Structures are given as structure tokens and as C-alpha cells.
N, C-alpha and C. Protein backbone atom coordinates (compact mmCIF):
# COMPACT_ATOMS: atom_id res chain seq x y z
N MET A 1 0.84 -1.17 0.00
CA MET A 1 0.00 0.00 0.00
C MET A 1 0.89 1.24 0.00
N LEU A 2 0.51 2.24 -0.76
CA LEU A 2 1.26 3.48 -0.82
C LEU A 2 0.92 4.37 0.38
N ALA A 3 1.92 5.06 0.86
CA ALA A 3 1.72 5.98 1.98
C ALA A 3 0.84 7.14 1.55
N ASN A 4 -0.06 7.54 2.41
CA ASN A 4 -0.94 8.67 2.16
C ASN A 4 -0.29 9.92 2.76
N THR A 5 0.54 10.58 1.97
CA THR A 5 1.29 11.73 2.46
C THR A 5 0.54 13.03 2.19
N PRO A 6 0.85 14.07 2.96
CA PRO A 6 0.19 15.37 2.76
C PRO A 6 0.79 16.08 1.54
N LYS A 7 0.27 17.24 1.25
CA LYS A 7 0.85 18.07 0.20
C LYS A 7 2.28 18.45 0.60
N PRO A 8 3.21 18.44 -0.35
CA PRO A 8 4.58 18.86 -0.03
C PRO A 8 4.62 20.31 0.42
N PRO A 9 5.67 20.68 1.14
CA PRO A 9 6.89 19.90 1.34
C PRO A 9 6.82 19.01 2.56
N TYR A 10 7.56 17.92 2.49
CA TYR A 10 7.81 17.01 3.60
C TYR A 10 9.10 16.28 3.28
N TYR A 11 9.55 15.41 4.14
CA TYR A 11 10.84 14.74 3.96
C TYR A 11 10.66 13.25 3.77
N ALA A 12 11.57 12.67 2.99
CA ALA A 12 11.63 11.23 2.78
C ALA A 12 12.98 10.73 3.29
N VAL A 13 12.95 9.69 4.11
CA VAL A 13 14.17 8.99 4.53
C VAL A 13 14.19 7.69 3.74
N ILE A 14 15.19 7.55 2.88
CA ILE A 14 15.30 6.40 1.99
C ILE A 14 16.40 5.49 2.54
N PHE A 15 16.01 4.32 3.00
CA PHE A 15 16.93 3.35 3.58
C PHE A 15 17.04 2.18 2.62
N THR A 16 18.22 1.99 2.03
CA THR A 16 18.45 0.86 1.14
C THR A 16 19.46 -0.07 1.81
N SER A 17 19.25 -1.38 1.63
CA SER A 17 20.10 -2.33 2.35
C SER A 17 20.28 -3.63 1.58
N VAL A 18 21.41 -4.27 1.88
CA VAL A 18 21.68 -5.64 1.44
C VAL A 18 21.79 -6.46 2.72
N ARG A 19 20.99 -7.50 2.82
CA ARG A 19 20.92 -8.30 4.04
C ARG A 19 21.97 -9.40 4.07
N THR A 20 22.33 -9.82 5.27
CA THR A 20 23.14 -11.01 5.47
C THR A 20 22.21 -12.22 5.43
N GLN A 21 22.74 -13.39 5.66
CA GLN A 21 21.92 -14.60 5.72
C GLN A 21 21.30 -14.80 7.09
N ILE A 22 21.66 -13.97 8.05
CA ILE A 22 21.14 -14.10 9.41
C ILE A 22 19.75 -13.48 9.48
N ALA A 23 18.78 -14.26 9.86
CA ALA A 23 17.40 -13.78 9.93
C ALA A 23 16.87 -13.73 11.36
N LEU A 24 17.68 -14.16 12.33
CA LEU A 24 17.25 -14.24 13.71
C LEU A 24 16.66 -12.92 14.20
N ASP A 25 15.39 -12.93 14.55
CA ASP A 25 14.68 -11.78 15.11
C ASP A 25 14.52 -10.59 14.17
N TYR A 26 14.94 -10.70 12.92
CA TYR A 26 14.86 -9.55 12.02
C TYR A 26 13.41 -9.12 11.80
N ALA A 27 12.55 -10.05 11.41
CA ALA A 27 11.16 -9.70 11.09
C ALA A 27 10.44 -9.12 12.30
N ASP A 28 10.66 -9.70 13.47
CA ASP A 28 10.04 -9.19 14.70
C ASP A 28 10.50 -7.77 15.00
N THR A 29 11.80 -7.54 14.88
CA THR A 29 12.34 -6.21 15.17
C THR A 29 11.86 -5.20 14.13
N ALA A 30 11.84 -5.59 12.87
CA ALA A 30 11.36 -4.68 11.83
C ALA A 30 9.91 -4.27 12.09
N GLU A 31 9.08 -5.23 12.47
CA GLU A 31 7.67 -4.91 12.77
C GLU A 31 7.56 -4.00 13.99
N LYS A 32 8.36 -4.27 15.02
CA LYS A 32 8.34 -3.40 16.21
C LYS A 32 8.77 -1.98 15.86
N MET A 33 9.78 -1.85 15.00
CA MET A 33 10.25 -0.51 14.61
C MET A 33 9.18 0.22 13.80
N LEU A 34 8.48 -0.50 12.95
CA LEU A 34 7.39 0.11 12.19
C LEU A 34 6.29 0.61 13.12
N GLN A 35 5.90 -0.22 14.07
CA GLN A 35 4.86 0.19 15.01
C GLN A 35 5.33 1.37 15.86
N LEU A 36 6.59 1.37 16.27
CA LEU A 36 7.13 2.47 17.05
C LEU A 36 7.19 3.75 16.22
N ALA A 37 7.64 3.64 14.98
CA ALA A 37 7.73 4.83 14.10
C ALA A 37 6.35 5.48 13.95
N ARG A 38 5.33 4.67 13.84
CA ARG A 38 3.96 5.20 13.68
C ARG A 38 3.51 6.04 14.88
N THR A 39 4.14 5.85 16.03
CA THR A 39 3.78 6.63 17.22
C THR A 39 4.60 7.91 17.36
N MET A 40 5.60 8.08 16.51
CA MET A 40 6.51 9.21 16.64
C MET A 40 5.89 10.49 16.09
N PRO A 41 6.09 11.62 16.78
CA PRO A 41 5.61 12.88 16.24
C PRO A 41 6.25 13.17 14.89
N GLY A 42 5.44 13.58 13.94
CA GLY A 42 5.95 13.94 12.63
C GLY A 42 6.02 12.81 11.62
N PHE A 43 5.71 11.58 12.04
CA PHE A 43 5.71 10.45 11.11
C PHE A 43 4.50 10.56 10.20
N LEU A 44 4.72 10.38 8.87
CA LEU A 44 3.64 10.51 7.90
C LEU A 44 3.27 9.21 7.21
N GLY A 45 4.20 8.27 7.13
CA GLY A 45 3.91 7.00 6.46
C GLY A 45 5.18 6.30 6.05
N VAL A 46 5.00 5.10 5.46
CA VAL A 46 6.15 4.30 5.05
C VAL A 46 5.77 3.41 3.87
N GLU A 47 6.76 3.13 3.03
CA GLU A 47 6.62 2.18 1.93
C GLU A 47 7.88 1.31 1.92
N SER A 48 7.73 0.03 1.62
CA SER A 48 8.89 -0.86 1.68
C SER A 48 8.77 -1.97 0.66
N ALA A 49 9.93 -2.39 0.13
CA ALA A 49 10.00 -3.52 -0.81
C ALA A 49 11.35 -4.20 -0.62
N ARG A 50 11.38 -5.51 -0.88
CA ARG A 50 12.65 -6.24 -0.75
C ARG A 50 12.75 -7.32 -1.81
N ASN A 51 13.88 -7.33 -2.49
CA ASN A 51 14.35 -8.44 -3.32
C ASN A 51 15.80 -8.61 -2.95
N GLU A 52 16.70 -8.46 -3.92
CA GLU A 52 18.12 -8.50 -3.58
C GLU A 52 18.51 -7.30 -2.72
N ILE A 53 17.88 -6.18 -3.01
CA ILE A 53 18.10 -4.94 -2.26
C ILE A 53 16.79 -4.57 -1.58
N GLY A 54 16.85 -4.22 -0.31
CA GLY A 54 15.67 -3.74 0.40
C GLY A 54 15.61 -2.23 0.31
N ILE A 55 14.43 -1.71 0.12
CA ILE A 55 14.23 -0.27 0.07
C ILE A 55 13.04 0.07 0.97
N THR A 56 13.30 0.90 1.95
CA THR A 56 12.23 1.40 2.82
C THR A 56 12.29 2.91 2.79
N VAL A 57 11.17 3.52 2.48
CA VAL A 57 11.07 4.98 2.46
C VAL A 57 10.07 5.38 3.54
N SER A 58 10.54 6.15 4.50
CA SER A 58 9.63 6.69 5.50
C SER A 58 9.49 8.18 5.26
N TYR A 59 8.32 8.71 5.58
CA TYR A 59 8.00 10.11 5.30
C TYR A 59 7.78 10.85 6.61
N TRP A 60 8.31 12.06 6.68
CA TRP A 60 8.33 12.83 7.93
C TRP A 60 8.01 14.30 7.66
N GLU A 61 7.41 14.94 8.66
CA GLU A 61 7.06 16.36 8.55
C GLU A 61 8.27 17.28 8.53
N SER A 62 9.34 16.90 9.25
CA SER A 62 10.46 17.83 9.42
C SER A 62 11.76 17.08 9.67
N LEU A 63 12.86 17.82 9.53
CA LEU A 63 14.17 17.26 9.88
C LEU A 63 14.26 16.97 11.38
N ALA A 64 13.60 17.80 12.18
CA ALA A 64 13.60 17.58 13.64
C ALA A 64 12.91 16.26 13.98
N ALA A 65 11.82 15.94 13.29
CA ALA A 65 11.12 14.67 13.52
C ALA A 65 12.01 13.49 13.14
N ILE A 66 12.75 13.62 12.05
CA ILE A 66 13.66 12.56 11.61
C ILE A 66 14.76 12.37 12.65
N LYS A 67 15.31 13.45 13.15
CA LYS A 67 16.38 13.36 14.16
C LYS A 67 15.85 12.71 15.44
N HIS A 68 14.65 13.07 15.82
CA HIS A 68 14.03 12.48 17.01
C HIS A 68 13.88 10.97 16.85
N TRP A 69 13.45 10.52 15.67
CA TRP A 69 13.32 9.10 15.38
C TRP A 69 14.69 8.43 15.41
N LYS A 70 15.68 9.03 14.77
CA LYS A 70 17.02 8.45 14.72
C LYS A 70 17.59 8.23 16.12
N MET A 71 17.27 9.11 17.05
CA MET A 71 17.84 9.05 18.39
C MET A 71 16.99 8.27 19.39
N ASN A 72 15.85 7.73 18.95
CA ASN A 72 15.01 6.92 19.83
C ASN A 72 15.80 5.72 20.35
N THR A 73 15.74 5.45 21.64
CA THR A 73 16.54 4.40 22.27
C THR A 73 16.30 3.03 21.64
N ASP A 74 15.05 2.65 21.44
CA ASP A 74 14.75 1.35 20.83
C ASP A 74 15.26 1.28 19.39
N HIS A 75 15.13 2.39 18.68
CA HIS A 75 15.62 2.44 17.30
C HIS A 75 17.15 2.35 17.27
N LEU A 76 17.81 3.00 18.21
CA LEU A 76 19.28 2.91 18.30
C LEU A 76 19.72 1.45 18.53
N MET A 77 19.00 0.72 19.36
CA MET A 77 19.34 -0.69 19.61
C MET A 77 19.12 -1.51 18.34
N ALA A 78 18.05 -1.25 17.60
CA ALA A 78 17.79 -1.96 16.35
C ALA A 78 18.87 -1.64 15.32
N GLN A 79 19.31 -0.39 15.29
CA GLN A 79 20.38 -0.01 14.36
C GLN A 79 21.65 -0.80 14.66
N GLN A 80 21.97 -0.94 15.93
CA GLN A 80 23.17 -1.68 16.33
C GLN A 80 23.05 -3.16 15.92
N LEU A 81 21.90 -3.76 16.17
CA LEU A 81 21.67 -5.15 15.76
C LEU A 81 21.79 -5.30 14.25
N GLY A 82 21.29 -4.31 13.52
CA GLY A 82 21.40 -4.34 12.06
C GLY A 82 22.85 -4.35 11.60
N ARG A 83 23.67 -3.49 12.18
CA ARG A 83 25.09 -3.44 11.81
C ARG A 83 25.81 -4.73 12.20
N GLU A 84 25.45 -5.29 13.34
CA GLU A 84 26.14 -6.48 13.84
C GLU A 84 25.66 -7.78 13.17
N ASN A 85 24.38 -7.85 12.78
CA ASN A 85 23.80 -9.13 12.35
C ASN A 85 23.14 -9.13 10.97
N TRP A 86 22.34 -8.13 10.65
CA TRP A 86 21.40 -8.27 9.55
C TRP A 86 21.82 -7.66 8.23
N TYR A 87 22.74 -6.70 8.24
CA TYR A 87 23.07 -6.00 7.00
C TYR A 87 24.51 -6.21 6.59
N GLU A 88 24.69 -6.56 5.31
CA GLU A 88 26.03 -6.54 4.72
C GLU A 88 26.42 -5.08 4.49
N SER A 89 25.43 -4.31 4.02
CA SER A 89 25.65 -2.88 3.78
C SER A 89 24.30 -2.18 3.76
N TYR A 90 24.36 -0.88 4.02
CA TYR A 90 23.14 -0.06 3.90
C TYR A 90 23.53 1.39 3.66
N LYS A 91 22.56 2.13 3.19
CA LYS A 91 22.75 3.57 2.98
C LYS A 91 21.44 4.26 3.31
N THR A 92 21.55 5.39 3.97
CA THR A 92 20.38 6.20 4.30
C THR A 92 20.52 7.54 3.59
N ARG A 93 19.45 7.94 2.93
CA ARG A 93 19.41 9.23 2.25
C ARG A 93 18.20 9.99 2.77
N ILE A 94 18.36 11.29 2.93
CA ILE A 94 17.25 12.14 3.38
C ILE A 94 17.01 13.18 2.28
N ALA A 95 15.76 13.26 1.84
CA ALA A 95 15.42 14.14 0.73
C ALA A 95 14.20 14.98 1.08
N LEU A 96 14.20 16.20 0.61
CA LEU A 96 13.03 17.07 0.72
C LEU A 96 12.13 16.79 -0.47
N VAL A 97 10.90 16.42 -0.20
CA VAL A 97 9.92 16.21 -1.27
C VAL A 97 9.26 17.55 -1.55
N GLU A 98 9.51 18.06 -2.73
CA GLU A 98 8.97 19.37 -3.11
C GLU A 98 7.72 19.26 -3.97
N ARG A 99 7.56 18.09 -4.59
CA ARG A 99 6.42 17.90 -5.48
C ARG A 99 6.08 16.43 -5.51
N ASP A 100 4.79 16.11 -5.56
CA ASP A 100 4.36 14.75 -5.81
C ASP A 100 3.07 14.76 -6.62
N TYR A 101 2.80 13.67 -7.25
CA TYR A 101 1.54 13.49 -7.98
C TYR A 101 1.24 12.01 -8.01
N GLU A 102 0.00 11.66 -8.35
CA GLU A 102 -0.38 10.26 -8.27
C GLU A 102 -1.41 9.90 -9.32
N PHE A 103 -1.57 8.61 -9.52
CA PHE A 103 -2.59 8.04 -10.38
C PHE A 103 -3.23 6.88 -9.65
N PRO A 104 -4.52 6.75 -9.60
CA PRO A 104 -5.44 7.81 -9.98
C PRO A 104 -5.45 8.92 -8.95
N SER A 105 -5.78 10.09 -9.40
CA SER A 105 -5.76 11.24 -8.48
C SER A 105 -7.11 11.47 -7.84
């Protein structure tokens, strides 16, 4: 399902990753992080897909909201587990969404 975002401007955090073969607790932690993100001030929505490369895009009202999410204690612990166990590599990009359009409108 596509995220129902407001009219721009807003921010997109684009997280791309290559996973290791270790799956221990990954799905549970990912679901917990999604549920936690939904409770964060400024969270607007999320879209995610995975094949060889995983892509998760979360949408936020402001850079301050993104920083608040990044520094959340539970999220920090999940980030550490990701570096230690689940990801061969990853990259995070933050972009200002200045325009969007959709079909059907």
C-alpha cells in the first residue's frame, strides 16, 4: 500500500540495504520498529520492498522529527543489531519532497 502523504513539502528517509543470511529476530524487530515509528511525532507514512536490495522509504514532517526518530533508544538498539547481524551494507538518504503526484488522483 502506498503511503498517504500530505501536500509537499515534507521529507523522505530512503533506507536501502543488502541483508546477510542471518534472519534471527529480524522480522520481529522490523515490525516493532514500524509500530514504534507510527507513534513518533511527525511520522507521515512508510513504503517498503525487498528483493536483492531492500528499500524502505519513511516520510516525515520535518528534519527535527527525523532526528528524534534516529535518536530513539529502541531504534538505536535496532540499528546496532542491524550493523552487527542483519546487514552486509546499507545507505540512508534524506530528501526534501517538493512535489508529488499520483494516479489515480
